[in-house]
C-alpha cells in the first residue's frame, strides 16, 4: 500500500512542477511580447514624427517642424511629453487627406494608436501575471524589468467631415 502513496506523491510533485514551469514560461513570454510591443511602438512613434517633419517642411511651418524634431530627438524620459506636444501640434493644423503628405501622417497616427493599444494591453497582462502571489513568492520575473506603460494622448487624427477620407 505504501507504493501507492509514493506514486501519488510523485504525481502531485510532477503536476506542481509542470504548473510552475508553465507559469514561469508564461511570465517570460509576456515580458518578451511587451518588450517587442515597446519596440514596435517606438518605431511607429519615429515614423509619425518623421512624417510630421516632412509635412511641416512642405506645408505647415516652424511650430509643427519644431515639435516633430523634438519628438525625434527626445530622450526616453522626455518622450511622452514630446509626443503629446506633437499630437497637439498636429491637431492644430487642418489636414487634407487628399494631400499625400497629410495622408502619410494620418495613416502613421492611426498605426501608432493601434501600436499603443497593443503595447498597453501586453504591459497590463505582463503586470497582472507578475503580480500573482505565487509568481512574486518564487520571484519568477526578477530577471526582467517591470514593464511600464507609455502614456500619451490618443494620437488618432480626425479629418474634416466635408473632406472624404481615402
C-alpha atoms as a PDB file:
ATOM      1  CA  UNK A   1       0.000   0.000   0.000  1.00  0.00           C
ATOM      2  CA  UNK A   2       2.909   2.365   0.612  1.00  0.00           C
ATOM      3  CA  UNK A   3       3.932   2.240  -3.060  1.00  0.00           C
ATOM      4  CA  UNK A   4       0.551   3.787  -3.926  1.00  0.00           C
ATOM      5  CA  UNK A   5       1.342   6.821  -1.770  1.00  0.00           C
ATOM      6  CA  UNK A   6       4.775   7.182  -3.372  1.00  0.00           C
ATOM      7  CA  UNK A   7       3.236   7.109  -6.819  1.00  0.00           C
ATOM      8  CA  UNK A   8       0.572   9.605  -5.769  1.00  0.00           C
ATOM      9  CA  UNK A   9       3.190  11.900  -4.198  1.00  0.00           C
ATOM     10  CA  UNK A  10       5.345  11.699  -7.341  1.00  0.00           C
ATOM     11  CA  UNK A  11       2.316  12.520  -9.479  1.00  0.00           C
ATOM     12  CA  UNK A  12       1.428  15.554  -7.337  1.00  0.00           C
ATOM     13  CA  UNK A  13       5.038  16.785  -7.353  1.00  0.00           C
ATOM     14  CA  UNK A  14       5.165  16.316 -11.130  1.00  0.00           C
ATOM     15  CA  UNK A  15       1.943  18.273 -11.643  1.00  0.00           C
ATOM     16  CA  UNK A  16       3.094  21.111  -9.381  1.00  0.00           C
ATOM     17  CA  UNK A  17       6.455  21.244 -11.161  1.00  0.00           C
ATOM     18  CA  UNK A  18       4.743  21.298 -14.562  1.00  0.00           C
ATOM     19  CA  UNK A  19       2.469  24.128 -13.425  1.00  0.00           C
ATOM     20  CA  UNK A  20       5.421  26.140 -12.107  1.00  0.00           C
ATOM     21  CA  UNK A  21       7.391  25.645 -15.331  1.00  0.00           C
ATOM     22  CA  UNK A  22       4.348  26.658 -17.374  1.00  0.00           C
ATOM     23  CA  UNK A  23       3.781  29.746 -15.207  1.00  0.00           C
ATOM     24  CA  UNK A  24       7.422  30.809 -15.437  1.00  0.00           C
ATOM     25  CA  UNK A  25       7.310  30.377 -19.205  1.00  0.00           C
ATOM     26  CA  UNK A  26       4.138  32.432 -19.432  1.00  0.00           C
ATOM     27  CA  UNK A  27       5.654  35.263 -17.407  1.00  0.00           C
ATOM     28  CA  UNK A  28       8.736  35.190 -19.640  1.00  0.00           C
ATOM     29  CA  UNK A  29       6.681  35.152 -22.832  1.00  0.00           C
ATOM     30  CA  UNK A  30       4.521  38.048 -21.664  1.00  0.00           C
ATOM     31  CA  UNK A  31       7.611  40.091 -20.854  1.00  0.00           C
ATOM     32  CA  UNK A  32       9.121  39.297 -24.241  1.00  0.00           C
ATOM     33  CA  UNK A  33       5.914  40.254 -26.026  1.00  0.00           C
ATOM     34  CA  UNK A  34       5.667  43.512 -24.044  1.00  0.00           C
ATOM     35  CA  UNK A  35       9.275  44.316 -24.989  1.00  0.00           C
ATOM     36  CA  UNK A  36       8.570  43.638 -28.667  1.00  0.00           C
ATOM     37  CA  UNK A  37       5.446  45.795 -28.480  1.00  0.00           C
ATOM     38  CA  UNK A  38       7.530  48.599 -26.936  1.00  0.00           C
ATOM     39  CA  UNK A  39       9.967  48.369 -29.835  1.00  0.00           C
ATOM     40  CA  UNK A  40       7.126  48.432 -32.354  1.00  0.00           C
ATOM     41  CA  UNK A  41       5.609  51.429 -30.569  1.00  0.00           C
ATOM     42  CA  UNK A  42       8.959  53.202 -30.726  1.00  0.00           C
ATOM     43  CA  UNK A  43       9.178  52.522 -34.458  1.00  0.00           C
ATOM     44  CA  UNK A  44       5.676  53.909 -35.029  1.00  0.00           C
ATOM     45  CA  UNK A  45       6.491  56.985 -32.943  1.00  0.00           C
ATOM     46  CA  UNK A  46       9.550  57.623 -35.100  1.00  0.00           C
ATOM     47  CA  UNK A  47       7.597  57.109 -38.328  1.00  0.00           C
ATOM     48  CA  UNK A  48       4.906  59.560 -37.279  1.00  0.00           C
ATOM     49  CA  UNK A  49       7.431  62.178 -36.162  1.00  0.00           C
ATOM     50  CA  UNK A  50       9.383  61.811 -39.413  1.00  0.00           C
ATOM     51  CA  UNK A  51       6.198  62.100 -41.482  1.00  0.00           C
ATOM     52  CA  UNK A  52       5.167  65.170 -39.475  1.00  0.00           C
ATOM     53  CA  UNK A  53       8.590  66.741 -40.047  1.00  0.00           C
ATOM     54  CA  UNK A  54       8.279  66.209 -43.801  1.00  0.00           C
ATOM     55  CA  UNK A  55       4.752  67.622 -43.752  1.00  0.00           C
ATOM     56  CA  UNK A  56       5.881  70.651 -41.744  1.00  0.00           C
ATOM     57  CA  UNK A  57       8.774  71.343 -44.121  1.00  0.00           C
ATOM     58  CA  UNK A  58       6.456  71.309 -47.104  1.00  0.00           C
ATOM     59  CA  UNK A  59       3.307  72.988 -45.764  1.00  0.00           C
ATOM     60  CA  UNK A  60       2.833  73.957 -42.148  1.00  0.00           C
ATOM     61  CA  UNK A  61       5.937  75.664 -40.926  1.00  0.00           C
ATOM     62  CA  UNK A  62       8.090  76.123 -37.904  1.00  0.00           C
ATOM     63  CA  UNK A  63       5.979  75.104 -34.897  1.00  0.00           C
ATOM     64  CA  UNK A  64       4.991  71.713 -36.276  1.00  0.00           C
ATOM     65  CA  UNK A  65       8.522  71.112 -37.534  1.00  0.00           C
ATOM     66  CA  UNK A  66       9.984  72.001 -34.127  1.00  0.00           C
ATOM     67  CA  UNK A  67       7.567  69.645 -32.357  1.00  0.00           C
ATOM     68  CA  UNK A  68       8.425  66.857 -34.806  1.00  0.00           C
ATOM     69  CA  UNK A  69      12.178  67.364 -34.367  1.00  0.00           C
ATOM     70  CA  UNK A  70      11.834  67.430 -30.571  1.00  0.00           C
ATOM     71  CA  UNK A  71       9.866  64.171 -30.732  1.00  0.00           C
ATOM     72  CA  UNK A  72      12.527  62.610 -32.969  1.00  0.00           C
ATOM     73  CA  UNK A  73      15.396  63.711 -30.718  1.00  0.00           C
ATOM     74  CA  UNK A  74      13.726  63.203 -27.329  1.00  0.00           C
ATOM     75  CA  UNK A  75      15.401  61.185 -24.610  1.00  0.00           C
ATOM     76  CA  UNK A  76      13.381  58.263 -23.199  1.00  0.00           C
ATOM     77  CA  UNK A  77      12.322  60.157 -20.058  1.00  0.00           C
ATOM     78  CA  UNK A  78      11.144  63.139 -22.147  1.00  0.00           C
ATOM     79  CA  UNK A  79       9.470  61.087 -24.874  1.00  0.00           C
ATOM     80  CA  UNK A  80       5.881  61.150 -23.591  1.00  0.00           C
ATOM     81  CA  UNK A  81       5.797  64.944 -23.277  1.00  0.00           C
ATOM     82  CA  UNK A  82       7.357  65.400 -26.718  1.00  0.00           C
ATOM     83  CA  UNK A  83       4.846  63.034 -28.335  1.00  0.00           C
ATOM     84  CA  UNK A  84       1.918  64.762 -26.607  1.00  0.00           C
ATOM     85  CA  UNK A  85       3.170  68.111 -27.887  1.00  0.00           C
ATOM     86  CA  UNK A  86       3.479  66.715 -31.410  1.00  0.00           C
ATOM     87  CA  UNK A  87      -0.080  65.373 -31.198  1.00  0.00           C
ATOM     88  CA  UNK A  88      -1.349  68.816 -30.113  1.00  0.00           C
ATOM     89  CA  UNK A  89       0.518  70.488 -32.971  1.00  0.00           C
ATOM     90  CA  UNK A  90      -0.887  68.003 -35.498  1.00  0.00           C
ATOM     91  CA  UNK A  91      -4.421  68.573 -34.217  1.00  0.00           C
ATOM     92  CA  UNK A  92      -3.962  72.340 -34.556  1.00  0.00           C
ATOM     93  CA  UNK A  93      -3.459  72.144 -38.336  1.00  0.00           C
ATOM     94  CA  UNK A  94      -6.121  71.170 -40.851  1.00  0.00           C
ATOM     95  CA  UNK A  95      -5.011  68.019 -42.587  1.00  0.00           C
ATOM     96  CA  UNK A  96      -6.248  67.337 -46.100  1.00  0.00           C
ATOM     97  CA  UNK A  97      -6.494  63.577 -46.724  1.00  0.00           C
ATOM     98  CA  UNK A  98      -6.137  64.211 -50.460  1.00  0.00           C
ATOM     99  CA  UNK A  99      -2.598  65.500 -49.900  1.00  0.00           C
ATOM    100  CA  UNK A 100      -0.142  62.557 -49.871  1.00  0.00           C
ATOM    101  CA  UNK A 101       1.943  64.082 -47.062  1.00  0.00           C
ATOM    102  CA  UNK A 102      -1.135  64.584 -44.881  1.00  0.00           C
ATOM    103  CA  UNK A 103      -2.353  61.089 -45.725  1.00  0.00           C
ATOM    104  CA  UNK A 104       1.007  59.697 -44.580  1.00  0.00           C
ATOM    105  CA  UNK A 105       0.740  61.495 -41.236  1.00  0.00           C
ATOM    106  CA  UNK A 106      -2.886  60.420 -40.738  1.00  0.00           C
ATOM    107  CA  UNK A 107      -2.025  56.804 -41.525  1.00  0.00           C
ATOM    108  CA  UNK A 108       1.023  56.870 -39.261  1.00  0.00           C
ATOM    109  CA  UNK A 109      -1.117  58.282 -36.456  1.00  0.00           C
ATOM    110  CA  UNK A 110      -3.677  55.510 -36.856  1.00  0.00           C
ATOM    111  CA  UNK A 111      -0.997  52.818 -36.809  1.00  0.00           C
ATOM    112  CA  UNK A 112       0.557  54.492 -33.771  1.00  0.00           C
ATOM    113  CA  UNK A 113      -2.780  54.383 -31.942  1.00  0.00           C
ATOM    114  CA  UNK A 114      -3.044  50.666 -32.663  1.00  0.00           C
ATOM    115  CA  UNK A 115       0.550  50.015 -31.576  1.00  0.00           C
ATOM    116  CA  UNK A 116      -0.033  51.952 -28.352  1.00  0.00           C
ATOM    117  CA  UNK A 117      -3.146  49.901 -27.594  1.00  0.00           C
ATOM    118  CA  UNK A 118      -1.326  46.619 -28.226  1.00  0.00           C
ATOM    119  CA  UNK A 119       1.555  47.762 -26.025  1.00  0.00           C
ATOM    120  CA  UNK A 120      -0.809  48.838 -23.244  1.00  0.00           C
ATOM    121  CA  UNK A 121      -2.643  45.509 -23.343  1.00  0.00           C
ATOM    122  CA  UNK A 122       0.576  43.489 -23.209  1.00  0.00           C
ATOM    123  CA  UNK A 123       2.011  45.576 -20.368  1.00  0.00           C
ATOM    124  CA  UNK A 124      -1.222  45.125 -18.432  1.00  0.00           C
ATOM    125  CA  UNK A 125      -1.117  41.353 -18.969  1.00  0.00           C
ATOM    126  CA  UNK A 126       2.564  41.108 -18.006  1.00  0.00           C
ATOM    127  CA  UNK A 127       1.999  43.139 -14.852  1.00  0.00           C
ATOM    128  CA  UNK A 128      -1.015  41.026 -13.917  1.00  0.00           C
ATOM    129  CA  UNK A 129       0.925  37.790 -14.391  1.00  0.00           C
ATOM    130  CA  UNK A 130       3.848  39.136 -12.424  1.00  0.00           C
ATOM    131  CA  UNK A 131       1.598  40.351  -9.599  1.00  0.00           C
ATOM    132  CA  UNK A 132       0.233  36.904  -8.810  1.00  0.00           C
ATOM    133  CA  UNK A 133       1.233  35.702  -5.342  1.00  0.00           C
ATOM    134  CA  UNK A 134       2.987  32.531  -6.479  1.00  0.00           C
ATOM    135  CA  UNK A 135       4.976  34.412  -9.122  1.00  0.00           C
ATOM    136  CA  UNK A 136       6.031  37.030  -6.563  1.00  0.00           C
ATOM    137  CA  UNK A 137       6.853  34.378  -3.949  1.00  0.00           C
ATOM    138  CA  UNK A 138       9.085  32.435  -6.318  1.00  0.00           C
ATOM    139  CA  UNK A 139      10.407  35.641  -7.933  1.00  0.00           C
ATOM    140  CA  UNK A 140       9.758  34.389 -11.450  1.00  0.00           C
ATOM    141  CA  UNK A 141      10.004  37.809 -13.075  1.00  0.00           C
ATOM    142  CA  UNK A 142      13.146  39.016 -11.341  1.00  0.00           C
ATOM    143  CA  UNK A 143      15.304  38.858 -14.465  1.00  0.00           C
ATOM    144  CA  UNK A 144      13.126  41.209 -16.467  1.00  0.00           C
ATOM    145  CA  UNK A 145      12.490  44.869 -15.658  1.00  0.00           C
ATOM    146  CA  UNK A 146       8.985  45.760 -14.556  1.00  0.00           C
ATOM    147  CA  UNK A 147       7.005  46.608 -17.723  1.00  0.00           C
ATOM    148  CA  UNK A 148       5.979  50.255 -17.997  1.00  0.00           C
ATOM    149  CA  UNK A 149       3.146  51.946 -19.812  1.00  0.00           C
ATOM    150  CA  UNK A 150       3.691  54.632 -22.443  1.00  0.00           C
ATOM    151  CA  UNK A 151       1.077  57.211 -21.522  1.00  0.00           C
ATOM    152  CA  UNK A 152       0.251  59.623 -24.337  1.00  0.00           C
ATOM    153  CA  UNK A 153      -2.886  61.268 -25.685  1.00  0.00           C
ATOM    154  CA  UNK A 154      -4.776  59.322 -28.304  1.00  0.00           C
ATOM    155  CA  UNK A 155      -2.729  60.031 -31.440  1.00  0.00           C
ATOM    156  CA  UNK A 156      -5.571  59.381 -33.897  1.00  0.00           C
ATOM    157  CA  UNK A 157      -6.162  62.419 -36.056  1.00  0.00           C
ATOM    158  CA  UNK A 158      -9.593  63.346 -37.333  1.00  0.00           C
ATOM    159  CA  UNK A 159     -10.229  64.725 -40.775  1.00  0.00           C
ATOM    160  CA  UNK A 160     -12.839  67.386 -41.514  1.00  0.00           C
ATOM    161  CA  UNK A 161     -16.299  65.955 -42.209  1.00  0.00           C
ATOM    162  CA  UNK A 162     -16.608  67.693 -45.596  1.00  0.00           C
ATOM    163  CA  UNK A 163     -13.436  66.028 -46.922  1.00  0.00           C
ATOM    164  CA  UNK A 164     -13.793  62.329 -47.789  1.00  0.00           C
ATOM    165  CA  UNK A 165     -11.129  60.109 -46.243  1.00  0.00           C
ATOM    166  CA  UNK A 166      -9.075  57.932 -48.578  1.00  0.00           C
END
